[in-house]
Amino acid sequence: MKNILFLCTGNSARSIMAEAYMNHAGAGRWRAYSAGSQPTGRPNPLALETLRAHGVPAGAPRSKSWDAFARAGAPIMDVVVTVCDNAAGEICPVWPAAEGKRPERLHWSFPDPAAATGDDDARRAAFEDVFQAIRKQIDKFIAERLD
């Protein structure tokens, strides 16, 4: 099983949805985690609602700092993916390496659904659009990496 870490600034929406969907779609092949450079402290309720609407178990997600994955004893990541442009531009910690091999770094840019404005329906639609984009990217990633 390979490990993948999804990073975003707040770790409340995009990275939470990516973690849950990868654990659902990549079960048995990929173990996903998520974190943020400046975690908000809790997942966005609309992110969790969107996951439930698609039958994707979220477990008990926490909004956590990426520092937790740079410490000794943290899971060794095979792939680290930034899912927002802000996190991609930040200086990330040095991730622990397996046998001297650093994790592969990827950037997938998704708009922040938590920044959506408008009524509840408009905000839900923003989360749905981003979830669909995340699902498409993860499905493609998994298909390309079948061993």
N, C-alpha and C. Protein backbone atom coordinates (compact mmCIF):
# COMPACT_ATOMS: atom_id res chain seq x y z
N MET A 1 0.85 -1.17 0.00
CA MET A 1 0.00 0.00 0.00
C MET A 1 0.89 1.23 0.00
N LYS A 2 0.52 2.21 -0.84
CA LYS A 2 1.27 3.45 -0.93
C LYS A 2 0.52 4.55 -0.19
N ASN A 3 1.28 5.55 0.31
CA ASN A 3 0.70 6.67 1.04
C ASN A 3 0.73 7.93 0.19
N ILE A 4 -0.35 8.72 0.28
CA ILE A 4 -0.45 9.97 -0.44
C ILE A 4 -0.97 11.03 0.53
N LEU A 5 -0.39 12.22 0.47
CA LEU A 5 -0.76 13.33 1.34
C LEU A 5 -1.28 14.48 0.48
N PHE A 6 -2.49 14.94 0.78
CA PHE A 6 -3.09 16.08 0.08
C PHE A 6 -2.94 17.31 0.96
N LEU A 7 -2.37 18.37 0.40
CA LEU A 7 -2.11 19.59 1.14
C LEU A 7 -2.90 20.76 0.60
N CYS A 8 -3.39 21.57 1.51
CA CYS A 8 -4.07 22.81 1.18
C CYS A 8 -3.77 23.78 2.32
N THR A 9 -4.08 25.02 2.15
CA THR A 9 -3.78 25.99 3.20
C THR A 9 -4.59 25.68 4.46
N GLY A 10 -5.92 25.63 4.35
CA GLY A 10 -6.77 25.48 5.53
C GLY A 10 -7.11 24.07 5.94
N ASN A 11 -6.89 23.09 5.07
CA ASN A 11 -7.25 21.69 5.33
C ASN A 11 -8.68 21.59 5.85
N SER A 12 -9.60 22.24 5.10
CA SER A 12 -11.00 22.19 5.52
C SER A 12 -11.94 21.74 4.41
N ALA A 13 -11.52 21.81 3.15
CA ALA A 13 -12.44 21.49 2.06
C ALA A 13 -11.77 20.60 1.01
N ARG A 14 -10.95 21.19 0.13
CA ARG A 14 -10.37 20.43 -0.98
C ARG A 14 -9.54 19.24 -0.52
N SER A 15 -8.62 19.46 0.40
CA SER A 15 -7.76 18.36 0.84
C SER A 15 -8.55 17.31 1.62
N ILE A 16 -9.55 17.74 2.36
CA ILE A 16 -10.42 16.79 3.10
C ILE A 16 -11.19 15.92 2.12
N MET A 17 -11.76 16.55 1.07
CA MET A 17 -12.51 15.77 0.07
C MET A 17 -11.57 14.83 -0.70
N ALA A 18 -10.37 15.30 -1.02
CA ALA A 18 -9.42 14.46 -1.74
C ALA A 18 -8.99 13.26 -0.89
N GLU A 19 -8.72 13.50 0.38
CA GLU A 19 -8.34 12.41 1.28
C GLU A 19 -9.45 11.35 1.34
N ALA A 20 -10.67 11.79 1.57
CA ALA A 20 -11.78 10.84 1.70
C ALA A 20 -12.02 10.09 0.41
N TYR A 21 -12.00 10.80 -0.71
CA TYR A 21 -12.27 10.13 -1.98
C TYR A 21 -11.15 9.14 -2.34
N MET A 22 -9.90 9.52 -2.11
CA MET A 22 -8.80 8.60 -2.42
C MET A 22 -8.88 7.36 -1.54
N ASN A 23 -9.20 7.52 -0.26
CA ASN A 23 -9.34 6.36 0.61
C ASN A 23 -10.50 5.46 0.16
N HIS A 24 -11.52 6.05 -0.43
CA HIS A 24 -12.67 5.30 -0.95
C HIS A 24 -12.32 4.62 -2.28
N ALA A 25 -11.83 5.39 -3.23
CA ALA A 25 -11.57 4.86 -4.58
C ALA A 25 -10.29 4.04 -4.66
N GLY A 26 -9.31 4.38 -3.85
CA GLY A 26 -8.02 3.70 -3.91
C GLY A 26 -7.83 2.68 -2.82
N ALA A 27 -8.91 2.28 -2.17
CA ALA A 27 -8.84 1.34 -1.04
C ALA A 27 -8.04 0.10 -1.42
N GLY A 28 -7.11 -0.25 -0.55
CA GLY A 28 -6.27 -1.42 -0.79
C GLY A 28 -5.01 -1.12 -1.56
N ARG A 29 -4.98 0.02 -2.26
CA ARG A 29 -3.78 0.40 -3.02
C ARG A 29 -3.16 1.69 -2.49
N TRP A 30 -4.00 2.61 -2.03
CA TRP A 30 -3.55 3.91 -1.55
C TRP A 30 -4.15 4.20 -0.18
N ARG A 31 -3.35 4.77 0.68
CA ARG A 31 -3.82 5.29 1.98
C ARG A 31 -3.59 6.78 1.93
N ALA A 32 -4.68 7.55 2.02
CA ALA A 32 -4.61 9.00 1.89
C ALA A 32 -4.67 9.70 3.24
N TYR A 33 -4.00 10.84 3.28
CA TYR A 33 -3.99 11.73 4.43
C TYR A 33 -4.16 13.15 3.90
N SER A 34 -4.50 14.08 4.79
CA SER A 34 -4.56 15.48 4.38
C SER A 34 -4.07 16.36 5.51
N ALA A 35 -3.62 17.56 5.14
CA ALA A 35 -3.12 18.51 6.12
C ALA A 35 -3.09 19.89 5.48
N GLY A 36 -2.81 20.90 6.30
CA GLY A 36 -2.74 22.26 5.80
C GLY A 36 -1.61 23.04 6.43
N SER A 37 -1.20 24.09 5.75
CA SER A 37 -0.14 24.95 6.28
C SER A 37 -0.69 25.83 7.41
N GLN A 38 -1.96 26.18 7.32
CA GLN A 38 -2.63 26.99 8.35
C GLN A 38 -4.02 26.41 8.57
N PRO A 39 -4.10 25.25 9.21
CA PRO A 39 -5.38 24.56 9.34
C PRO A 39 -6.43 25.39 10.07
N THR A 40 -7.66 25.28 9.59
CA THR A 40 -8.78 26.03 10.17
C THR A 40 -9.24 25.45 11.50
N GLY A 41 -8.91 24.20 11.76
CA GLY A 41 -9.31 23.56 13.00
C GLY A 41 -10.48 22.62 12.86
N ARG A 42 -11.23 22.72 11.73
CA ARG A 42 -12.33 21.79 11.52
C ARG A 42 -12.67 21.73 10.03
N PRO A 43 -13.14 20.57 9.57
CA PRO A 43 -13.56 20.46 8.18
C PRO A 43 -14.78 21.34 7.91
N ASN A 44 -14.89 21.83 6.70
CA ASN A 44 -16.04 22.61 6.30
C ASN A 44 -17.26 21.68 6.24
N PRO A 45 -18.37 22.05 6.87
CA PRO A 45 -19.56 21.19 6.86
C PRO A 45 -20.06 20.88 5.45
N LEU A 46 -19.90 21.79 4.50
CA LEU A 46 -20.35 21.52 3.13
C LEU A 46 -19.45 20.49 2.44
N ALA A 47 -18.19 20.42 2.82
CA ALA A 47 -17.31 19.37 2.27
C ALA A 47 -17.81 18.01 2.74
N LEU A 48 -18.14 17.91 4.03
CA LEU A 48 -18.63 16.64 4.57
C LEU A 48 -19.99 16.29 3.98
N GLU A 49 -20.85 17.28 3.80
CA GLU A 49 -22.16 17.06 3.18
C GLU A 49 -22.01 16.54 1.75
N THR A 50 -21.07 17.12 1.01
CA THR A 50 -20.84 16.70 -0.38
C THR A 50 -20.35 15.26 -0.42
N LEU A 51 -19.44 14.90 0.46
CA LEU A 51 -18.95 13.52 0.51
C LEU A 51 -20.10 12.55 0.81
N ARG A 52 -20.91 12.89 1.80
CA ARG A 52 -22.06 12.02 2.15
C ARG A 52 -23.00 11.87 0.97
N ALA A 53 -23.24 12.94 0.23
CA ALA A 53 -24.15 12.89 -0.92
C ALA A 53 -23.67 11.91 -1.99
N HIS A 54 -22.36 11.66 -2.02
CA HIS A 54 -21.78 10.74 -3.00
C HIS A 54 -21.46 9.37 -2.40
N GLY A 55 -21.87 9.15 -1.17
CA GLY A 55 -21.62 7.86 -0.54
C GLY A 55 -20.16 7.63 -0.22
N VAL A 56 -19.41 8.70 -0.04
CA VAL A 56 -17.98 8.58 0.27
C VAL A 56 -17.80 8.74 1.77
N PRO A 57 -17.38 7.68 2.45
CA PRO A 57 -17.18 7.80 3.89
C PRO A 57 -16.04 8.77 4.20
N ALA A 58 -16.29 9.66 5.13
CA ALA A 58 -15.25 10.62 5.52
C ALA A 58 -14.60 10.23 6.83
N GLY A 59 -15.17 9.26 7.52
CA GLY A 59 -14.62 8.90 8.83
C GLY A 59 -14.83 10.07 9.78
N ALA A 60 -13.81 10.37 10.54
CA ALA A 60 -13.85 11.50 11.48
C ALA A 60 -12.70 12.43 11.12
N PRO A 61 -12.83 13.16 10.01
CA PRO A 61 -11.70 13.98 9.55
C PRO A 61 -11.39 15.12 10.52
N ARG A 62 -10.11 15.44 10.59
CA ARG A 62 -9.64 16.56 11.39
C ARG A 62 -8.87 17.51 10.49
N SER A 63 -8.96 18.78 10.78
CA SER A 63 -8.15 19.77 10.10
C SER A 63 -6.84 19.86 10.88
N LYS A 64 -5.74 19.46 10.23
CA LYS A 64 -4.48 19.36 10.96
C LYS A 64 -3.33 20.00 10.19
N SER A 65 -2.27 20.29 10.91
CA SER A 65 -1.09 20.93 10.33
C SER A 65 -0.24 19.92 9.57
N TRP A 66 0.35 20.40 8.50
CA TRP A 66 1.24 19.52 7.73
C TRP A 66 2.49 19.18 8.52
N ASP A 67 2.79 19.91 9.58
CA ASP A 67 3.96 19.60 10.41
C ASP A 67 3.87 18.19 10.99
N ALA A 68 2.64 17.71 11.22
CA ALA A 68 2.47 16.37 11.78
C ALA A 68 3.03 15.29 10.87
N PHE A 69 3.13 15.58 9.57
CA PHE A 69 3.61 14.58 8.61
C PHE A 69 5.09 14.76 8.28
N ALA A 70 5.72 15.76 8.89
CA ALA A 70 7.15 15.99 8.66
C ALA A 70 7.98 15.52 9.86
N ARG A 71 7.31 15.04 10.89
CA ARG A 71 7.99 14.60 12.11
C ARG A 71 8.47 13.16 11.99
N ALA A 72 9.43 12.84 12.82
CA ALA A 72 9.89 11.45 12.93
C ALA A 72 8.70 10.60 13.37
N GLY A 73 8.57 9.44 12.78
CA GLY A 73 7.49 8.53 13.12
C GLY A 73 6.23 8.73 12.31
N ALA A 74 6.18 9.80 11.50
CA ALA A 74 5.01 10.03 10.64
C ALA A 74 5.02 9.01 9.51
N PRO A 75 3.84 8.73 8.94
CA PRO A 75 3.82 7.82 7.79
C PRO A 75 4.72 8.38 6.67
N ILE A 76 5.44 7.50 6.01
CA ILE A 76 6.29 7.90 4.89
C ILE A 76 5.40 8.03 3.66
N MET A 77 5.47 9.19 3.03
CA MET A 77 4.63 9.45 1.86
C MET A 77 5.35 9.05 0.57
N ASP A 78 4.58 8.45 -0.31
CA ASP A 78 5.07 8.16 -1.65
C ASP A 78 4.81 9.33 -2.59
N VAL A 79 3.68 10.02 -2.34
CA VAL A 79 3.28 11.15 -3.17
C VAL A 79 2.72 12.24 -2.26
N VAL A 80 3.08 13.50 -2.56
CA VAL A 80 2.53 14.66 -1.87
C VAL A 80 1.91 15.55 -2.94
N VAL A 81 0.61 15.88 -2.77
CA VAL A 81 -0.12 16.65 -3.76
C VAL A 81 -0.65 17.93 -3.13
N THR A 82 -0.28 19.08 -3.67
CA THR A 82 -0.92 20.33 -3.27
C THR A 82 -2.17 20.48 -4.12
N VAL A 83 -3.27 20.87 -3.47
CA VAL A 83 -4.54 21.00 -4.19
C VAL A 83 -5.03 22.44 -4.24
N CYS A 84 -4.18 23.36 -3.80
CA CYS A 84 -4.52 24.78 -3.92
C CYS A 84 -3.26 25.54 -4.29
N ASP A 85 -3.44 26.62 -5.00
CA ASP A 85 -2.29 27.39 -5.48
C ASP A 85 -1.52 28.03 -4.33
N ASN A 86 -2.19 28.43 -3.26
CA ASN A 86 -1.48 29.02 -2.13
C ASN A 86 -0.50 28.03 -1.52
N ALA A 87 -0.95 26.81 -1.25
CA ALA A 87 -0.08 25.81 -0.65
C ALA A 87 1.06 25.44 -1.60
N ALA A 88 0.79 25.45 -2.89
CA ALA A 88 1.84 25.12 -3.86
C ALA A 88 2.96 26.14 -3.83
N GLY A 89 2.64 27.38 -3.48
CA GLY A 89 3.64 28.43 -3.46
C GLY A 89 4.36 28.57 -2.14
N GLU A 90 3.93 27.83 -1.13
CA GLU A 90 4.55 27.92 0.19
C GLU A 90 5.76 26.99 0.28
N ILE A 91 6.61 27.30 1.23
CA ILE A 91 7.76 26.44 1.49
C ILE A 91 7.26 25.29 2.35
N CYS A 92 7.23 24.12 1.76
CA CYS A 92 6.74 22.95 2.47
C CYS A 92 7.84 22.38 3.36
N PRO A 93 7.45 21.66 4.39
CA PRO A 93 8.45 20.96 5.20
C PRO A 93 9.20 19.93 4.35
N VAL A 94 10.28 19.46 4.87
CA VAL A 94 11.00 18.36 4.23
C VAL A 94 10.34 17.09 4.72
N TRP A 95 9.79 16.33 3.78
CA TRP A 95 9.07 15.12 4.15
C TRP A 95 10.05 13.99 4.40
N PRO A 96 9.75 13.15 5.40
CA PRO A 96 10.60 11.99 5.63
C PRO A 96 10.70 11.14 4.36
N ALA A 97 11.87 10.57 4.17
CA ALA A 97 12.13 9.79 2.95
C ALA A 97 12.24 8.31 3.29
N ALA A 98 11.80 7.50 2.36
CA ALA A 98 11.94 6.05 2.47
C ALA A 98 13.20 5.66 1.72
N GLU A 99 14.17 5.12 2.45
CA GLU A 99 15.42 4.67 1.83
C GLU A 99 16.05 5.78 0.99
N GLY A 100 16.00 7.01 1.50
CA GLY A 100 16.62 8.14 0.81
C GLY A 100 15.84 8.70 -0.35
N LYS A 101 14.68 8.14 -0.64
CA LYS A 101 13.87 8.60 -1.78
C LYS A 101 12.77 9.53 -1.28
N ARG A 102 12.82 10.78 -1.71
CA ARG A 102 11.81 11.76 -1.34
C ARG A 102 10.50 11.46 -2.08
N PRO A 103 9.36 11.87 -1.50
CA PRO A 103 8.08 11.61 -2.18
C PRO A 103 7.96 12.40 -3.48
N GLU A 104 7.24 11.84 -4.40
CA GLU A 104 6.91 12.54 -5.64
C GLU A 104 6.03 13.72 -5.28
N ARG A 105 6.27 14.88 -5.91
CA ARG A 105 5.48 16.09 -5.64
C ARG A 105 4.62 16.41 -6.86
N LEU A 106 3.33 16.62 -6.64
CA LEU A 106 2.40 16.99 -7.70
C LEU A 106 1.59 18.21 -7.26
N HIS A 107 1.07 18.94 -8.24
CA HIS A 107 0.17 20.05 -7.94
C HIS A 107 -1.06 19.93 -8.81
N TRP A 108 -2.22 19.88 -8.16
CA TRP A 108 -3.50 19.88 -8.84
C TRP A 108 -4.25 21.11 -8.35
N SER A 109 -4.52 22.03 -9.22
CA SER A 109 -5.15 23.29 -8.83
C SER A 109 -6.67 23.18 -8.90
N PHE A 110 -7.32 23.38 -7.75
CA PHE A 110 -8.77 23.41 -7.68
C PHE A 110 -9.18 24.72 -7.00
N PRO A 111 -10.25 25.36 -7.47
CA PRO A 111 -10.72 26.57 -6.80
C PRO A 111 -11.21 26.24 -5.39
N ASP A 112 -11.17 27.22 -4.51
CA ASP A 112 -11.58 27.02 -3.13
C ASP A 112 -13.10 27.12 -3.01
N PRO A 113 -13.81 26.02 -2.80
CA PRO A 113 -15.27 26.11 -2.69
C PRO A 113 -15.70 26.84 -1.42
N ALA A 114 -14.85 26.87 -0.40
CA ALA A 114 -15.19 27.57 0.83
C ALA A 114 -15.26 29.08 0.61
N ALA A 115 -14.67 29.56 -0.47
CA ALA A 115 -14.70 30.99 -0.78
C ALA A 115 -15.91 31.37 -1.63
N ALA A 116 -16.73 30.39 -1.97
CA ALA A 116 -17.91 30.67 -2.80
C ALA A 116 -18.88 31.58 -2.07
N THR A 117 -19.51 32.43 -2.83
CA THR A 117 -20.50 33.35 -2.27
C THR A 117 -21.87 33.01 -2.81
N GLY A 118 -22.87 33.64 -2.27
CA GLY A 118 -24.23 33.41 -2.73
C GLY A 118 -25.03 32.65 -1.70
N ASP A 119 -26.20 32.19 -2.14
CA ASP A 119 -27.07 31.46 -1.23
C ASP A 119 -26.56 30.03 -1.03
N ASP A 120 -27.27 29.28 -0.20
CA ASP A 120 -26.85 27.91 0.12
C ASP A 120 -26.73 27.04 -1.12
N ASP A 121 -27.66 27.18 -2.06
CA ASP A 121 -27.61 26.37 -3.28
C ASP A 121 -26.36 26.69 -4.10
N ALA A 122 -26.00 27.95 -4.20
CA ALA A 122 -24.80 28.35 -4.95
C ALA A 122 -23.54 27.82 -4.27
N ARG A 123 -23.50 27.86 -2.96
CA ARG A 123 -22.33 27.36 -2.23
C ARG A 123 -22.24 25.83 -2.36
N ARG A 124 -23.37 25.15 -2.27
CA ARG A 124 -23.37 23.69 -2.45
C ARG A 124 -22.90 23.32 -3.86
N ALA A 125 -23.35 24.10 -4.84
CA ALA A 125 -22.94 23.84 -6.23
C ALA A 125 -21.43 24.01 -6.39
N ALA A 126 -20.85 24.97 -5.70
CA ALA A 126 -19.39 25.17 -5.77
C ALA A 126 -18.66 23.96 -5.20
N PHE A 127 -19.14 23.43 -4.08
CA PHE A 127 -18.53 22.23 -3.50
C PHE A 127 -18.70 21.04 -4.43
N GLU A 128 -19.87 20.90 -5.03
CA GLU A 128 -20.12 19.81 -5.97
C GLU A 128 -19.17 19.88 -7.16
N ASP A 129 -19.00 21.06 -7.72
CA ASP A 129 -18.10 21.23 -8.87
C ASP A 129 -16.67 20.84 -8.52
N VAL A 130 -16.21 21.28 -7.37
CA VAL A 130 -14.84 20.97 -6.96
C VAL A 130 -14.70 19.48 -6.66
N PHE A 131 -15.70 18.90 -6.00
CA PHE A 131 -15.64 17.46 -5.75
C PHE A 131 -15.55 16.68 -7.05
N GLN A 132 -16.35 17.05 -8.04
CA GLN A 132 -16.32 16.35 -9.33
C GLN A 132 -14.93 16.46 -9.98
N ALA A 133 -14.31 17.63 -9.88
CA ALA A 133 -12.97 17.82 -10.45
C ALA A 133 -11.94 16.97 -9.69
N ILE A 134 -12.06 16.92 -8.38
CA ILE A 134 -11.15 16.10 -7.56
C ILE A 134 -11.35 14.63 -7.92
N ARG A 135 -12.59 14.20 -8.00
CA ARG A 135 -12.87 12.79 -8.33
C ARG A 135 -12.28 12.42 -9.68
N LYS A 136 -12.47 13.27 -10.67
CA LYS A 136 -11.93 13.00 -12.00
C LYS A 136 -10.40 12.90 -11.96
N GLN A 137 -9.74 13.80 -11.25
CA GLN A 137 -8.28 13.79 -11.18
C GLN A 137 -7.77 12.55 -10.45
N ILE A 138 -8.41 12.19 -9.35
CA ILE A 138 -7.99 11.01 -8.60
C ILE A 138 -8.24 9.74 -9.39
N ASP A 139 -9.40 9.63 -10.06
CA ASP A 139 -9.68 8.45 -10.88
C ASP A 139 -8.61 8.29 -11.96
N LYS A 140 -8.23 9.39 -12.59
CA LYS A 140 -7.18 9.36 -13.61
C LYS A 140 -5.84 8.94 -13.00
N PHE A 141 -5.50 9.50 -11.86
CA PHE A 141 -4.26 9.17 -11.16
C PHE A 141 -4.21 7.67 -10.83
N ILE A 142 -5.28 7.14 -10.29
CA ILE A 142 -5.32 5.72 -9.93
C ILE A 142 -5.18 4.85 -11.19
N ALA A 143 -5.90 5.20 -12.25
CA ALA A 143 -5.85 4.41 -13.48
C ALA A 143 -4.46 4.40 -14.09
N GLU A 144 -3.76 5.53 -13.99
CA GLU A 144 -2.40 5.62 -14.56
C GLU A 144 -1.37 4.84 -13.75
N ARG A 145 -1.70 4.53 -12.51
CA ARG A 145 -0.73 3.89 -11.62
C ARG A 145 -1.09 2.47 -11.23
N LEU A 146 -1.94 1.84 -11.99
CA LEU A 146 -2.26 0.45 -11.71
C LEU A 146 -1.01 -0.38 -11.95
N ASP A 147 -0.68 -1.17 -10.97
CA ASP A 147 0.54 -2.01 -11.07
C ASP A 147 0.24 -3.33 -11.74
